[in-house]
Amino acid sequence: MKQIILLLFCCITSVVQALPSGYKPVTDPQQFKDKFTAASRQIQTVSADSTQVKQMNLVKDKMVSKGRFYYKQSDKVRIEYQKPFTYLMILNGHSMKVKDEQKESTYNTHSNKMMESINNIMLDCMSGHVYQNRDFTVIVGENSKEFVLEMTPGSRLMKNMFAHIDVYLSKSDYHVLRLNLVEPGGDNSLMTFTSSILNQPVDDKLFKTD
């Protein structure tokens, strides 16, 4: 009996420790999943200011980029940064366009497993399909204002890219507030979305990849 109690305690402790500081496990994960999925279906478009903070172990100073973010249900994402350098990434179905100050590249994500995985991660986070991504297991936590989904990779490819991905959601309408992508070596990229406008028209031209 003592061994069973100890095992249960270890399992509970591991779940709590897996969540970011200040968050506790939700009491009813299935209820959260149902509400998250339903709410995500209602979010047709998102326009927001975007700030990315890149922290690298070997670099003292953080790298901060600012720009705009757009999402259109269910397979279109545009991330563009203007400061301090220009950078653009567009996802449109299985097409991905990446443009920086040196070059521009377009990919069919079906022909590149890594690009396809990156495509799926971003779209799953925005559309509420993270539970359908077989490359990750998901633990859900909450505090008074936010939910957090900690996505832990299971596939070898994703383990090579990420230690975990944290998706922070507003409790009021379940839209994405932040994405924190943590690499195996400890480097991380935190994307924060502010001044978000939901369900207003977004021009399809923003998502052209050709």
Protein backbone atom coordinates (compact mmCIF):
# COMPACT_ATOMS: atom_id res chain seq x y z
CA MET A 1 0.00 0.00 0.00
CA LYS A 2 2.83 2.39 0.89
CA GLN A 3 4.45 1.68 -2.48
CA ILE A 4 1.21 2.55 -4.31
CA ILE A 5 0.86 5.82 -2.38
CA LEU A 6 4.49 6.70 -3.08
CA LEU A 7 4.02 5.96 -6.79
CA LEU A 8 0.94 8.19 -6.96
CA PHE A 9 2.78 10.97 -5.15
CA CYS A 10 5.69 10.77 -7.60
CA CYS A 11 3.32 10.93 -10.57
CA ILE A 12 1.50 13.98 -9.18
CA THR A 13 4.77 15.69 -8.33
CA SER A 14 6.18 15.11 -11.81
CA VAL A 15 3.09 16.70 -13.39
CA VAL A 16 3.31 19.75 -11.12
CA GLN A 17 7.05 20.17 -11.77
CA ALA A 18 6.52 19.90 -15.52
CA LEU A 19 4.37 23.05 -15.55
CA PRO A 20 5.85 26.57 -15.49
CA SER A 21 6.14 28.21 -12.09
CA GLY A 22 2.87 29.66 -10.80
CA TYR A 23 0.60 27.22 -12.64
CA LYS A 24 -1.24 24.21 -11.23
CA PRO A 25 -2.85 21.31 -13.13
CA VAL A 26 -6.44 21.88 -14.23
CA THR A 27 -8.95 19.85 -12.24
CA ASP A 28 -10.80 18.52 -15.30
CA PRO A 29 -8.51 18.15 -18.36
CA GLN A 30 -11.29 16.73 -20.56
CA GLN A 31 -13.57 19.68 -19.83
CA PHE A 32 -10.74 22.07 -20.68
CA LYS A 33 -10.04 20.17 -23.92
CA ASP A 34 -13.69 20.38 -24.98
CA LYS A 35 -13.95 24.11 -24.21
CA PHE A 36 -10.61 24.90 -25.84
CA THR A 37 -11.56 23.06 -29.02
CA ALA A 38 -14.99 24.74 -29.18
CA ALA A 39 -13.59 28.22 -28.49
CA SER A 40 -10.83 27.82 -31.10
CA ARG A 41 -13.42 27.07 -33.76
CA GLN A 42 -14.96 30.48 -33.09
CA ILE A 43 -11.69 32.32 -33.73
CA GLN A 44 -11.74 32.95 -37.47
CA THR A 45 -8.95 35.53 -37.65
CA VAL A 46 -6.33 37.14 -35.40
CA SER A 47 -4.30 40.30 -35.95
CA ALA A 48 -1.80 41.28 -33.27
CA ASP A 49 1.44 43.03 -32.45
CA SER A 50 4.18 40.45 -31.98
CA THR A 51 7.38 40.55 -29.94
CA GLN A 52 9.93 37.75 -30.00
CA VAL A 53 12.61 37.50 -27.33
CA LYS A 54 15.41 35.05 -28.13
CA GLN A 55 17.58 33.96 -25.20
CA MET A 56 20.75 31.99 -25.98
CA ASN A 57 23.06 30.46 -23.39
CA LEU A 58 26.20 31.59 -25.20
CA VAL A 59 25.00 35.17 -25.72
CA LYS A 60 24.57 37.52 -22.77
CA ASP A 61 22.13 39.95 -24.37
CA LYS A 62 18.63 38.93 -25.40
CA MET A 63 17.64 39.38 -29.04
CA VAL A 64 14.34 41.27 -29.29
CA SER A 65 12.34 41.48 -32.54
CA LYS A 66 9.08 43.40 -33.05
CA GLY A 67 6.46 43.16 -35.76
CA ARG A 68 3.00 41.87 -36.64
CA PHE A 69 1.20 38.53 -36.52
CA TYR A 70 -1.79 37.36 -38.54
CA TYR A 71 -3.83 34.17 -38.46
CA LYS A 72 -6.75 33.07 -40.62
CA GLN A 73 -8.63 29.86 -39.97
CA SER A 74 -7.59 27.22 -40.34
CA ASP A 75 -4.26 27.01 -42.16
CA LYS A 76 -2.88 30.53 -42.70
CA VAL A 77 -0.27 32.28 -40.54
CA ARG A 78 1.90 35.34 -41.23
CA ILE A 79 4.70 36.45 -38.89
CA GLU A 80 6.65 39.54 -39.91
CA TYR A 81 9.32 41.42 -37.98
CA GLN A 82 10.54 44.90 -38.91
CA LYS A 83 12.88 45.68 -36.00
CA PRO A 84 15.82 45.34 -35.61
CA PHE A 85 15.92 43.21 -38.79
CA THR A 86 13.29 42.33 -41.35
CA TYR A 87 12.02 38.76 -41.35
CA LEU A 88 8.91 37.17 -42.81
CA MET A 89 7.37 33.71 -42.48
CA ILE A 90 4.11 32.75 -44.16
CA LEU A 91 2.27 29.46 -43.77
CA ASN A 92 -0.54 28.76 -46.21
CA GLY A 93 -1.74 25.19 -46.22
CA HIS A 94 1.29 23.08 -47.11
CA SER A 95 3.21 26.01 -48.54
CA MET A 96 5.77 27.92 -46.47
CA LYS A 97 7.60 31.11 -47.42
CA VAL A 98 10.58 32.42 -45.44
CA LYS A 99 12.26 35.74 -46.28
CA ASP A 100 15.05 37.55 -44.47
CA GLU A 101 17.46 40.31 -45.48
CA GLN A 102 19.63 37.91 -47.48
CA LYS A 103 17.30 35.52 -49.27
CA GLU A 104 13.80 34.26 -49.90
CA SER A 105 12.78 30.58 -49.91
CA THR A 106 9.52 28.74 -50.54
CA TYR A 107 8.88 25.17 -49.41
CA ASN A 108 6.29 22.51 -49.92
CA THR A 109 6.14 21.24 -46.35
CA HIS A 110 5.05 17.78 -47.54
CA SER A 111 8.52 17.30 -49.02
CA ASN A 112 10.37 18.36 -45.87
CA LYS A 113 9.51 16.65 -42.59
CA MET A 114 11.07 19.37 -40.45
CA MET A 115 9.24 22.17 -42.25
CA GLU A 116 6.01 20.20 -42.09
CA SER A 117 6.43 19.76 -38.34
CA ILE A 118 7.06 23.47 -37.80
CA ASN A 119 4.01 24.22 -39.94
CA ASN A 120 1.85 21.82 -37.91
CA ILE A 121 3.03 23.16 -34.55
CA MET A 122 2.13 26.76 -35.36
CA LEU A 123 -1.22 25.95 -36.93
CA ASP A 124 -2.15 23.48 -34.17
CA CYS A 125 -1.46 26.10 -31.50
CA MET A 126 -3.65 28.69 -33.22
CA SER A 127 -6.48 26.38 -34.27
CA GLY A 128 -6.80 24.36 -31.05
CA HIS A 129 -5.61 21.08 -32.58
CA VAL A 130 -2.62 20.50 -30.29
CA TYR A 131 -4.21 17.33 -28.93
CA GLN A 132 -4.25 15.85 -32.41
CA ASN A 133 -0.51 16.32 -32.92
CA ARG A 134 0.97 12.86 -32.35
CA ASP A 135 4.49 14.26 -32.01
CA PHE A 136 3.65 15.71 -28.56
CA THR A 137 2.00 14.92 -25.25
CA VAL A 138 0.14 17.77 -23.57
CA ILE A 139 -0.19 18.79 -19.89
CA VAL A 140 -2.57 21.64 -19.01
CA GLY A 141 -2.12 24.09 -16.14
CA GLU A 142 -3.81 27.27 -14.99
CA ASN A 143 -3.55 30.30 -12.78
CA SER A 144 -6.15 32.99 -12.12
CA LYS A 145 -5.89 34.57 -15.58
CA GLU A 146 -4.34 32.05 -17.98
CA PHE A 147 -4.13 28.46 -19.08
CA VAL A 148 -0.83 26.95 -20.17
CA LEU A 149 -0.39 23.92 -22.40
CA GLU A 150 3.00 22.31 -22.01
CA MET A 151 3.75 20.26 -25.10
CA THR A 152 6.48 17.65 -24.63
CA PRO A 153 7.89 16.02 -27.79
CA GLY A 154 7.72 12.27 -28.22
CA SER A 155 9.14 11.79 -31.71
CA ARG A 156 12.88 11.78 -32.30
CA LEU A 157 12.72 14.70 -34.74
CA MET A 158 10.84 16.92 -32.31
CA LYS A 159 13.10 15.93 -29.40
CA ASN A 160 16.06 17.13 -31.44
CA MET A 161 14.35 20.50 -31.96
CA PHE A 162 12.53 21.18 -28.68
CA ALA A 163 12.69 20.28 -25.01
CA HIS A 164 9.11 21.54 -24.72
CA ILE A 165 6.74 24.18 -26.06
CA ASP A 166 4.54 26.23 -23.73
CA VAL A 167 1.32 27.71 -25.14
CA TYR A 168 -0.30 30.38 -22.96
CA LEU A 169 -4.02 31.07 -23.44
CA SER A 170 -6.39 33.73 -22.21
CA LYS A 171 -9.01 32.34 -19.85
CA SER A 172 -11.62 34.72 -21.24
CA ASP A 173 -11.69 33.46 -24.84
CA TYR A 174 -8.84 30.90 -25.17
CA HIS A 175 -6.86 32.89 -27.73
CA VAL A 176 -3.07 32.51 -27.71
CA LEU A 177 -1.18 35.08 -25.62
CA ARG A 178 2.36 33.67 -25.79
CA LEU A 179 4.37 30.82 -27.26
CA ASN A 180 7.60 29.74 -25.58
CA LEU A 181 9.77 27.39 -27.64
CA VAL A 182 12.48 25.82 -25.48
CA GLU A 183 15.33 23.98 -27.20
CA PRO A 184 17.14 20.93 -25.73
CA GLY A 185 20.22 23.01 -24.86
CA GLY A 186 18.18 25.59 -22.96
CA ASP A 187 17.94 28.33 -25.60
CA ASN A 188 14.41 29.62 -25.96
CA SER A 189 12.27 31.91 -28.11
CA LEU A 190 9.32 33.64 -26.43
CA MET A 191 6.68 35.06 -28.78
CA THR A 192 4.20 37.46 -27.17
CA PHE A 193 1.03 38.66 -28.91
CA THR A 194 -0.52 41.96 -27.77
CA SER A 195 -3.34 44.26 -28.89
CA SER A 196 -4.99 41.21 -30.46
CA ILE A 197 -8.01 41.80 -32.69
CA LEU A 198 -10.19 38.75 -33.23
CA ASN A 199 -12.61 37.91 -36.04
CA GLN A 200 -12.08 41.02 -38.14
CA PRO A 201 -11.40 40.79 -41.90
CA VAL A 202 -7.82 39.86 -42.86
CA ASP A 203 -6.83 40.12 -46.52
CA ASP A 204 -5.87 36.81 -48.16
CA LYS A 205 -3.07 38.65 -49.98
CA LEU A 206 -1.10 38.66 -46.72
CA PHE A 207 -0.75 34.89 -47.00
CA LYS A 208 0.49 34.62 -50.58
CA THR A 209 3.57 32.41 -50.85
CA ASP A 210 4.19 32.63 -54.60
